[in-house]
Amino acid sequence: MGRKGVLSPCNCVLRAIFRICFARFVRCATQERHLSKISLEPHQGKQRPSTWGRKDEEYLADFTLITRRTLTELEYKLFRYHFVLGADWKLCTRKLGMDRGNFFHAVYRIEQKLGLVFRELEPYSLFPLEDYFNGPSRARFGSAHAASPAQRKLPEHLRFPSIGRAA
């Protein structure tokens, strides 16, 4: 439960969502180009029943654009150095002129901020990955846009702890 009585995920869940999405980003970015698949995506409506797409490339573009639009200039620099280029904390702190504590706090804030955006982006979020790559489950939601981010079912390892239930 959040501060104002609103149910919201804790920061560790948001960081886990970011890490899951980032791991998929790395996998899509490092796979051989000939392994990319073209998929036929069905749509609702009579005008265009389906389209062809390359989901891996679309995911890379969406992840990059969302990251760029969400983060401040300093956060994006840190994201690029640390996550994309793989620089360790020593190199990042030297390059950005910050101390170790501020670096790790900034990394956690970036992970939380992006995890929240990846989960709550409308109309198509990056998380859960199954919905992004396979389309939303109509059996679970009823239609492509029926479920809000709060109503989506999280994977078992990302479930909110039950309050008042004995373990």
N, C-alpha and C. Protein backbone atom coordinates (compact mmCIF):
# COMPACT_ATOMS: atom_id res chain seq x y z
N MET A 1 0.85 -1.17 0.00
CA MET A 1 0.00 0.00 0.00
C MET A 1 0.89 1.22 0.00
N GLY A 2 0.60 2.17 -0.87
CA GLY A 2 1.39 3.39 -0.96
C GLY A 2 1.05 4.36 0.15
N ARG A 3 1.63 5.53 0.09
CA ARG A 3 1.46 6.52 1.14
C ARG A 3 0.05 7.05 1.24
N LYS A 4 -0.61 7.26 0.13
CA LYS A 4 -1.94 7.85 0.15
C LYS A 4 -3.02 6.80 -0.06
N GLY A 5 -2.77 5.59 0.39
CA GLY A 5 -3.75 4.53 0.28
C GLY A 5 -3.85 3.91 -1.10
N VAL A 6 -2.94 4.26 -2.00
CA VAL A 6 -2.95 3.73 -3.36
C VAL A 6 -2.04 2.51 -3.41
N LEU A 7 -2.55 1.45 -3.99
CA LEU A 7 -1.76 0.23 -4.13
C LEU A 7 -0.71 0.44 -5.21
N SER A 8 0.56 0.35 -4.84
CA SER A 8 1.64 0.52 -5.81
C SER A 8 2.77 -0.44 -5.47
N PRO A 9 3.51 -0.87 -6.50
CA PRO A 9 4.59 -1.81 -6.24
C PRO A 9 5.74 -1.14 -5.50
N CYS A 10 6.44 -1.93 -4.71
CA CYS A 10 7.60 -1.39 -3.99
C CYS A 10 8.75 -1.18 -4.98
N ASN A 11 9.74 -0.45 -4.55
CA ASN A 11 10.87 -0.11 -5.42
C ASN A 11 11.65 -1.34 -5.87
N CYS A 12 11.73 -2.38 -5.04
CA CYS A 12 12.46 -3.57 -5.44
C CYS A 12 11.76 -4.28 -6.59
N VAL A 13 10.43 -4.23 -6.63
CA VAL A 13 9.68 -4.81 -7.74
C VAL A 13 9.92 -4.01 -9.02
N LEU A 14 9.92 -2.69 -8.89
CA LEU A 14 10.18 -1.85 -10.07
C LEU A 14 11.58 -2.09 -10.62
N ARG A 15 12.56 -2.25 -9.73
CA ARG A 15 13.92 -2.53 -10.19
C ARG A 15 13.99 -3.91 -10.86
N ALA A 16 13.24 -4.88 -10.33
CA ALA A 16 13.22 -6.21 -10.94
C ALA A 16 12.58 -6.16 -12.33
N ILE A 17 11.53 -5.37 -12.49
CA ILE A 17 10.90 -5.20 -13.81
C ILE A 17 11.91 -4.61 -14.78
N PHE A 18 12.62 -3.57 -14.35
CA PHE A 18 13.65 -2.98 -15.22
C PHE A 18 14.68 -4.02 -15.61
N ARG A 19 15.16 -4.80 -14.65
CA ARG A 19 16.22 -5.78 -14.95
C ARG A 19 15.75 -6.85 -15.91
N ILE A 20 14.49 -7.27 -15.80
CA ILE A 20 13.94 -8.25 -16.73
C ILE A 20 13.88 -7.65 -18.14
N CYS A 21 13.39 -6.42 -18.24
CA CYS A 21 13.31 -5.75 -19.55
C CYS A 21 14.69 -5.48 -20.12
N PHE A 22 15.64 -5.09 -19.26
CA PHE A 22 17.00 -4.82 -19.74
C PHE A 22 17.67 -6.11 -20.21
N ALA A 23 17.45 -7.21 -19.52
CA ALA A 23 18.03 -8.48 -19.95
C ALA A 23 17.51 -8.86 -21.33
N ARG A 24 16.24 -8.62 -21.59
CA ARG A 24 15.68 -8.91 -22.91
C ARG A 24 16.27 -7.96 -23.95
N PHE A 25 16.49 -6.69 -23.58
CA PHE A 25 17.12 -5.73 -24.46
C PHE A 25 18.51 -6.21 -24.87
N VAL A 26 19.29 -6.66 -23.90
CA VAL A 26 20.64 -7.16 -24.18
C VAL A 26 20.56 -8.38 -25.09
N ARG A 27 19.63 -9.28 -24.82
CA ARG A 27 19.49 -10.48 -25.65
C ARG A 27 19.13 -10.11 -27.09
N CYS A 28 18.20 -9.18 -27.25
CA CYS A 28 17.81 -8.76 -28.60
C CYS A 28 18.96 -8.04 -29.31
N ALA A 29 19.73 -7.26 -28.58
CA ALA A 29 20.81 -6.48 -29.17
C ALA A 29 22.02 -7.34 -29.55
N THR A 30 22.24 -8.42 -28.83
CA THR A 30 23.44 -9.22 -29.06
C THR A 30 23.21 -10.47 -29.90
N GLN A 31 21.96 -10.77 -30.23
CA GLN A 31 21.74 -11.96 -31.05
C GLN A 31 22.15 -11.70 -32.49
N GLU A 32 22.43 -12.74 -33.19
CA GLU A 32 22.82 -12.62 -34.59
C GLU A 32 21.63 -12.10 -35.40
N ARG A 33 21.88 -11.26 -36.36
CA ARG A 33 20.81 -10.63 -37.14
C ARG A 33 19.96 -11.65 -37.89
N HIS A 34 20.56 -12.73 -38.34
CA HIS A 34 19.78 -13.71 -39.10
C HIS A 34 18.83 -14.51 -38.20
N LEU A 35 18.94 -14.37 -36.87
CA LEU A 35 18.03 -15.06 -35.97
C LEU A 35 16.74 -14.29 -35.71
N SER A 36 16.69 -13.06 -36.15
CA SER A 36 15.48 -12.26 -35.95
C SER A 36 14.34 -12.85 -36.76
N LYS A 37 13.16 -12.90 -36.14
CA LYS A 37 12.00 -13.49 -36.81
C LYS A 37 11.03 -12.40 -37.24
N ILE A 38 10.38 -12.67 -38.34
CA ILE A 38 9.28 -11.82 -38.79
C ILE A 38 8.01 -12.49 -38.31
N SER A 39 7.13 -11.70 -37.70
CA SER A 39 5.90 -12.29 -37.17
C SER A 39 4.68 -11.57 -37.73
N LEU A 40 3.60 -12.30 -37.83
CA LEU A 40 2.32 -11.75 -38.26
C LEU A 40 1.52 -11.43 -37.01
N GLU A 41 1.14 -10.16 -36.87
CA GLU A 41 0.42 -9.72 -35.68
C GLU A 41 -1.03 -9.44 -36.03
N PRO A 42 -1.97 -10.17 -35.42
CA PRO A 42 -3.39 -9.92 -35.69
C PRO A 42 -3.86 -8.63 -35.00
N HIS A 43 -4.80 -7.96 -35.61
CA HIS A 43 -5.39 -6.75 -35.05
C HIS A 43 -6.91 -6.89 -35.04
N GLN A 44 -7.55 -6.15 -34.17
CA GLN A 44 -9.00 -6.12 -34.18
C GLN A 44 -9.43 -5.05 -35.17
N GLY A 45 -10.44 -5.33 -35.92
CA GLY A 45 -10.94 -4.36 -36.89
C GLY A 45 -10.95 -4.94 -38.28
N LYS A 46 -11.71 -4.27 -39.14
CA LYS A 46 -11.89 -4.78 -40.50
C LYS A 46 -10.92 -4.17 -41.49
N GLN A 47 -10.41 -2.97 -41.20
CA GLN A 47 -9.54 -2.28 -42.14
C GLN A 47 -8.23 -3.02 -42.38
N ARG A 48 -7.58 -3.44 -41.30
CA ARG A 48 -6.29 -4.11 -41.41
C ARG A 48 -6.29 -5.27 -40.41
N PRO A 49 -6.58 -6.48 -40.87
CA PRO A 49 -6.68 -7.60 -39.93
C PRO A 49 -5.35 -8.03 -39.31
N SER A 50 -4.24 -7.74 -40.00
CA SER A 50 -2.94 -8.14 -39.44
C SER A 50 -1.82 -7.35 -40.11
N THR A 51 -0.66 -7.31 -39.43
CA THR A 51 0.53 -6.66 -39.99
C THR A 51 1.74 -7.55 -39.72
N TRP A 52 2.77 -7.34 -40.52
CA TRP A 52 4.02 -8.05 -40.33
C TRP A 52 4.95 -7.17 -39.51
N GLY A 53 5.78 -7.80 -38.67
CA GLY A 53 6.70 -7.02 -37.86
C GLY A 53 7.90 -7.83 -37.41
N ARG A 54 8.93 -7.12 -37.00
CA ARG A 54 10.13 -7.73 -36.41
C ARG A 54 10.15 -7.31 -34.95
N LYS A 55 9.65 -8.17 -34.08
CA LYS A 55 9.45 -7.82 -32.68
C LYS A 55 10.75 -7.49 -31.96
N ASP A 56 11.83 -8.20 -32.25
CA ASP A 56 13.10 -7.92 -31.57
C ASP A 56 13.58 -6.51 -31.87
N GLU A 57 13.55 -6.12 -33.14
CA GLU A 57 13.99 -4.78 -33.52
C GLU A 57 13.04 -3.72 -32.97
N GLU A 58 11.74 -4.01 -32.97
CA GLU A 58 10.77 -3.07 -32.41
C GLU A 58 11.00 -2.88 -30.92
N TYR A 59 11.33 -3.98 -30.23
CA TYR A 59 11.59 -3.89 -28.79
C TYR A 59 12.82 -3.03 -28.51
N LEU A 60 13.89 -3.24 -29.30
CA LEU A 60 15.10 -2.43 -29.14
C LEU A 60 14.78 -0.94 -29.32
N ALA A 61 14.03 -0.62 -30.35
CA ALA A 61 13.67 0.77 -30.61
C ALA A 61 12.79 1.33 -29.50
N ASP A 62 11.78 0.59 -29.08
CA ASP A 62 10.89 1.06 -28.01
C ASP A 62 11.65 1.27 -26.72
N PHE A 63 12.49 0.30 -26.34
CA PHE A 63 13.26 0.40 -25.11
C PHE A 63 14.15 1.65 -25.13
N THR A 64 14.83 1.86 -26.25
CA THR A 64 15.74 3.00 -26.37
C THR A 64 14.98 4.32 -26.33
N LEU A 65 13.89 4.42 -27.06
CA LEU A 65 13.13 5.67 -27.10
C LEU A 65 12.49 5.98 -25.75
N ILE A 66 11.95 4.98 -25.09
CA ILE A 66 11.33 5.20 -23.78
C ILE A 66 12.38 5.65 -22.78
N THR A 67 13.54 5.02 -22.82
CA THR A 67 14.63 5.40 -21.91
C THR A 67 15.05 6.84 -22.16
N ARG A 68 15.23 7.20 -23.40
CA ARG A 68 15.67 8.55 -23.74
C ARG A 68 14.65 9.60 -23.32
N ARG A 69 13.38 9.31 -23.50
CA ARG A 69 12.33 10.27 -23.16
C ARG A 69 12.06 10.37 -21.67
N THR A 70 12.34 9.32 -20.93
CA THR A 70 12.01 9.29 -19.51
C THR A 70 13.08 9.91 -18.64
N LEU A 71 14.34 9.66 -18.97
CA LEU A 71 15.44 10.08 -18.11
C LEU A 71 15.88 11.51 -18.39
N THR A 72 16.42 12.14 -17.34
CA THR A 72 17.02 13.46 -17.52
C THR A 72 18.34 13.29 -18.26
N GLU A 73 18.96 14.40 -18.63
CA GLU A 73 20.21 14.34 -19.38
C GLU A 73 21.31 13.61 -18.59
N LEU A 74 21.46 13.95 -17.31
CA LEU A 74 22.48 13.29 -16.47
C LEU A 74 22.16 11.81 -16.26
N GLU A 75 20.88 11.51 -16.00
CA GLU A 75 20.48 10.10 -15.83
C GLU A 75 20.73 9.30 -17.10
N TYR A 76 20.44 9.90 -18.25
CA TYR A 76 20.65 9.19 -19.50
C TYR A 76 22.14 8.95 -19.77
N LYS A 77 22.99 9.92 -19.44
CA LYS A 77 24.43 9.71 -19.57
C LYS A 77 24.88 8.54 -18.71
N LEU A 78 24.45 8.53 -17.45
CA LEU A 78 24.81 7.44 -16.55
C LEU A 78 24.27 6.11 -17.08
N PHE A 79 23.03 6.10 -17.57
CA PHE A 79 22.44 4.89 -18.15
C PHE A 79 23.28 4.38 -19.32
N ARG A 80 23.65 5.28 -20.21
CA ARG A 80 24.46 4.88 -21.36
C ARG A 80 25.81 4.31 -20.94
N TYR A 81 26.50 5.02 -20.05
CA TYR A 81 27.83 4.56 -19.63
C TYR A 81 27.75 3.22 -18.90
N HIS A 82 26.87 3.14 -17.92
CA HIS A 82 26.85 1.97 -17.04
C HIS A 82 26.13 0.77 -17.66
N PHE A 83 24.92 0.99 -18.18
CA PHE A 83 24.12 -0.14 -18.66
C PHE A 83 24.45 -0.50 -20.11
N VAL A 84 24.49 0.47 -20.99
CA VAL A 84 24.68 0.16 -22.41
C VAL A 84 26.14 -0.14 -22.73
N LEU A 85 27.06 0.70 -22.26
CA LEU A 85 28.47 0.49 -22.56
C LEU A 85 29.18 -0.41 -21.56
N GLY A 86 28.57 -0.69 -20.42
CA GLY A 86 29.11 -1.63 -19.44
C GLY A 86 30.24 -1.09 -18.58
N ALA A 87 30.31 0.22 -18.41
CA ALA A 87 31.36 0.79 -17.56
C ALA A 87 31.07 0.50 -16.09
N ASP A 88 32.11 0.20 -15.32
CA ASP A 88 31.92 -0.06 -13.90
C ASP A 88 31.75 1.25 -13.14
N TRP A 89 31.48 1.15 -11.84
CA TRP A 89 31.18 2.35 -11.06
C TRP A 89 32.37 3.29 -10.97
N LYS A 90 33.58 2.75 -10.98
CA LYS A 90 34.76 3.61 -10.88
C LYS A 90 34.90 4.52 -12.10
N LEU A 91 34.74 3.94 -13.28
CA LEU A 91 34.84 4.72 -14.50
C LEU A 91 33.70 5.73 -14.61
N CYS A 92 32.49 5.30 -14.25
CA CYS A 92 31.33 6.21 -14.32
C CYS A 92 31.48 7.38 -13.36
N THR A 93 31.92 7.12 -12.14
CA THR A 93 32.05 8.21 -11.17
C THR A 93 33.11 9.21 -11.62
N ARG A 94 34.20 8.71 -12.19
CA ARG A 94 35.25 9.59 -12.69
C ARG A 94 34.75 10.42 -13.87
N LYS A 95 34.05 9.77 -14.79
CA LYS A 95 33.56 10.44 -16.00
C LYS A 95 32.47 11.46 -15.68
N LEU A 96 31.59 11.15 -14.73
CA LEU A 96 30.46 12.02 -14.41
C LEU A 96 30.72 12.94 -13.23
N GLY A 97 31.86 12.80 -12.56
CA GLY A 97 32.20 13.66 -11.45
C GLY A 97 31.30 13.49 -10.24
N MET A 98 31.02 12.24 -9.89
CA MET A 98 30.17 11.98 -8.72
C MET A 98 30.86 10.96 -7.82
N ASP A 99 30.42 10.87 -6.57
CA ASP A 99 31.03 9.89 -5.67
C ASP A 99 30.28 8.56 -5.77
N ARG A 100 30.84 7.55 -5.14
CA ARG A 100 30.31 6.18 -5.23
C ARG A 100 28.88 6.07 -4.72
N GLY A 101 28.59 6.68 -3.57
CA GLY A 101 27.25 6.60 -3.00
C GLY A 101 26.21 7.22 -3.91
N ASN A 102 26.50 8.41 -4.43
CA ASN A 102 25.56 9.07 -5.34
C ASN A 102 25.38 8.27 -6.63
N PHE A 103 26.44 7.62 -7.08
CA PHE A 103 26.34 6.79 -8.28
C PHE A 103 25.33 5.66 -8.07
N PHE A 104 25.47 4.90 -6.98
CA PHE A 104 24.58 3.77 -6.76
C PHE A 104 23.15 4.21 -6.47
N HIS A 105 22.98 5.32 -5.77
CA HIS A 105 21.63 5.85 -5.56
C HIS A 105 21.00 6.25 -6.90
N ALA A 106 21.79 6.85 -7.77
CA ALA A 106 21.28 7.24 -9.09
C ALA A 106 20.92 6.02 -9.93
N VAL A 107 21.73 4.96 -9.85
CA VAL A 107 21.43 3.73 -10.59
C VAL A 107 20.11 3.14 -10.10
N TYR A 108 19.90 3.09 -8.79
CA TYR A 108 18.64 2.56 -8.25
C TYR A 108 17.46 3.42 -8.68
N ARG A 109 17.61 4.75 -8.68
CA ARG A 109 16.53 5.64 -9.11
C ARG A 109 16.19 5.42 -10.58
N ILE A 110 17.23 5.25 -11.40
CA ILE A 110 17.01 5.00 -12.83
C ILE A 110 16.26 3.69 -13.02
N GLU A 111 16.68 2.64 -12.33
CA GLU A 111 16.01 1.34 -12.46
C GLU A 111 14.55 1.44 -12.03
N GLN A 112 14.28 2.14 -10.93
CA GLN A 112 12.92 2.29 -10.43
C GLN A 112 12.07 3.10 -11.41
N LYS A 113 12.61 4.19 -11.88
CA LYS A 113 11.88 5.08 -12.79
C LYS A 113 11.52 4.34 -14.08
N LEU A 114 12.50 3.65 -14.66
CA LEU A 114 12.25 2.93 -15.91
C LEU A 114 11.36 1.71 -15.69
N GLY A 115 11.53 1.02 -14.57
CA GLY A 115 10.66 -0.12 -14.28
C GLY A 115 9.20 0.29 -14.22
N LEU A 116 8.92 1.42 -13.59
CA LEU A 116 7.56 1.92 -13.50
C LEU A 116 7.02 2.28 -14.89
N VAL A 117 7.82 2.96 -15.68
CA VAL A 117 7.38 3.35 -17.03
C VAL A 117 7.18 2.13 -17.90
N PHE A 118 8.09 1.16 -17.85
CA PHE A 118 7.97 -0.05 -18.67
C PHE A 118 6.69 -0.81 -18.33
N ARG A 119 6.27 -0.76 -17.07
CA ARG A 119 5.07 -1.48 -16.64
C ARG A 119 3.79 -0.72 -16.94
N GLU A 120 3.81 0.59 -16.83
CA GLU A 120 2.57 1.35 -16.90
C GLU A 120 2.37 2.11 -18.21
N LEU A 121 3.26 1.97 -19.15
CA LEU A 121 3.13 2.66 -20.43
C LEU A 121 1.84 2.24 -21.12
N GLU A 122 1.12 3.20 -21.65
CA GLU A 122 -0.14 2.94 -22.34
C GLU A 122 -0.02 3.33 -23.80
N PRO A 123 -0.62 2.69 -24.74
CA PRO A 123 -1.49 1.54 -24.59
C PRO A 123 -0.74 0.21 -24.56
N TYR A 124 0.54 0.19 -24.91
CA TYR A 124 1.29 -1.06 -24.95
C TYR A 124 2.53 -0.92 -24.10
N SER A 125 2.60 -1.62 -22.99
CA SER A 125 3.76 -1.55 -22.11
C SER A 125 4.81 -2.56 -22.55
N LEU A 126 6.04 -2.36 -22.09
CA LEU A 126 7.10 -3.32 -22.38
C LEU A 126 7.04 -4.52 -21.44
N PHE A 127 6.39 -4.36 -20.31
CA PHE A 127 6.29 -5.44 -19.33
C PHE A 127 4.84 -5.72 -19.06
N PRO A 128 4.44 -6.94 -19.00
CA PRO A 128 5.17 -8.20 -19.11
C PRO A 128 5.62 -8.49 -20.54
N LEU A 129 6.78 -9.10 -20.64
CA LEU A 129 7.39 -9.37 -21.93
C LEU A 129 6.53 -10.27 -22.81
N GLU A 130 5.82 -11.21 -22.20
CA GLU A 130 4.97 -12.12 -22.98
C GLU A 130 3.91 -11.34 -23.75
N ASP A 131 3.35 -10.31 -23.11
CA ASP A 131 2.34 -9.50 -23.79
C ASP A 131 2.95 -8.68 -24.90
N TYR A 132 4.17 -8.20 -24.71
CA TYR A 132 4.82 -7.40 -25.74
C TYR A 132 5.14 -8.26 -26.96
N PHE A 133 5.70 -9.42 -26.73
CA PHE A 133 6.16 -10.24 -27.85
C PHE A 133 5.07 -11.13 -28.43
N ASN A 134 4.07 -11.50 -27.66
CA ASN A 134 3.03 -12.40 -28.15
C ASN A 134 1.66 -11.74 -28.23
N GLY A 135 1.55 -10.50 -27.82
CA GLY A 135 0.26 -9.83 -27.80
C GLY A 135 -0.44 -10.13 -26.49
N PRO A 136 -1.31 -9.22 -26.04
CA PRO A 136 -2.01 -9.45 -24.78
C PRO A 136 -2.92 -10.66 -24.89
N SER A 137 -3.00 -11.39 -23.84
CA SER A 137 -3.83 -12.58 -23.81
C SER A 137 -5.30 -12.16 -23.73
N ARG A 138 -6.04 -12.42 -24.78
CA ARG A 138 -7.45 -12.04 -24.80
C ARG A 138 -8.24 -12.87 -23.79
N ALA A 139 -7.81 -14.10 -23.54
CA ALA A 139 -8.50 -14.93 -22.56
C ALA A 139 -8.34 -14.34 -21.16
N ARG A 140 -7.19 -13.74 -20.89
CA ARG A 140 -6.94 -13.19 -19.57
C ARG A 140 -7.58 -11.82 -19.40
N PHE A 141 -7.57 -10.99 -20.46
CA PHE A 141 -8.03 -9.61 -20.33
C PHE A 141 -9.38 -9.36 -20.99
N GLY A 142 -9.81 -10.19 -21.88
CA GLY A 142 -11.07 -9.94 -22.56
C GLY A 142 -10.87 -9.19 -23.87
N SER A 143 -9.99 -8.21 -23.90
CA SER A 143 -9.66 -7.50 -25.13
C SER A 143 -8.24 -6.96 -25.00
N ALA A 144 -7.73 -6.41 -26.06
CA ALA A 144 -6.34 -5.96 -26.08
C ALA A 144 -6.07 -4.82 -25.10
N HIS A 145 -7.08 -3.99 -24.80
CA HIS A 145 -6.84 -2.81 -23.98
C HIS A 145 -7.63 -2.84 -22.67
N ALA A 146 -8.20 -3.97 -22.31
CA ALA A 146 -9.12 -4.00 -21.17
C ALA A 146 -8.43 -3.85 -19.83
N ALA A 147 -7.24 -4.38 -19.68
CA ALA A 147 -6.60 -4.40 -18.36
C ALA A 147 -5.73 -3.17 -18.15
N SER A 148 -5.88 -2.58 -16.99
CA SER A 148 -4.97 -1.50 -16.61
C SER A 148 -3.71 -2.15 -16.05
N PRO A 149 -2.60 -1.40 -15.94
CA PRO A 149 -1.38 -1.99 -15.39
C PRO A 149 -1.58 -2.59 -14.01
N ALA A 150 -2.46 -2.01 -13.19
CA ALA A 150 -2.69 -2.55 -11.84
C ALA A 150 -3.42 -3.88 -11.88
N GLN A 151 -4.17 -4.15 -12.96
CA GLN A 151 -4.93 -5.39 -13.05
C GLN A 151 -4.15 -6.53 -13.68
N ARG A 152 -3.01 -6.24 -14.31
CA ARG A 152 -2.23 -7.29 -14.96
C ARG A 152 -1.68 -8.25 -13.94
N LYS A 153 -1.60 -9.50 -14.31
CA LYS A 153 -1.09 -10.52 -13.41
C LYS A 153 0.43 -10.56 -13.53
N LEU A 154 1.12 -10.38 -12.41
CA LEU A 154 2.58 -10.40 -12.40
C LEU A 154 3.08 -11.84 -12.32
N PRO A 155 4.27 -12.10 -12.84
CA PRO A 155 4.86 -13.42 -12.67
C PRO A 155 5.03 -13.73 -11.18
N GLU A 156 5.08 -15.00 -10.86
CA GLU A 156 5.11 -15.45 -9.46
C GLU A 156 6.23 -14.80 -8.66
N HIS A 157 7.42 -14.63 -9.23
CA HIS A 157 8.55 -14.06 -8.49
C HIS A 157 8.44 -12.55 -8.33
N LEU A 158 7.39 -11.91 -8.90
CA LEU A 158 7.21 -10.47 -8.74
C LEU A 158 5.88 -10.13 -8.07
N ARG A 159 5.26 -11.07 -7.41
CA ARG A 159 3.98 -10.82 -6.75
C ARG A 159 4.18 -9.97 -5.51
N PHE A 160 3.19 -9.14 -5.22
CA PHE A 160 3.21 -8.33 -4.01
C PHE A 160 2.99 -9.25 -2.82
N PRO A 161 3.65 -9.00 -1.70
CA PRO A 161 3.40 -9.83 -0.53
C PRO A 161 1.99 -9.60 -0.02
N SER A 162 1.38 -10.65 0.46
CA SER A 162 0.03 -10.54 1.01
C SER A 162 0.11 -9.98 2.41
N ILE A 163 -0.74 -9.03 2.71
CA ILE A 163 -0.74 -8.39 4.02
C ILE A 163 -1.70 -9.15 4.91
N GLY A 164 -1.23 -9.55 6.07
CA GLY A 164 -2.09 -10.22 7.04
C GLY A 164 -2.26 -11.70 6.80
N ARG A 165 -1.59 -12.28 5.83
CA ARG A 165 -1.71 -13.71 5.57
C ARG A 165 -0.48 -14.41 6.14
N ALA A 166 -0.70 -15.46 6.88
CA ALA A 166 0.41 -16.22 7.48
C ALA A 166 1.14 -16.99 6.41
N ALA A 167 2.46 -17.00 6.51
CA ALA A 167 3.26 -17.70 5.50
C ALA A 167 3.58 -19.10 5.98
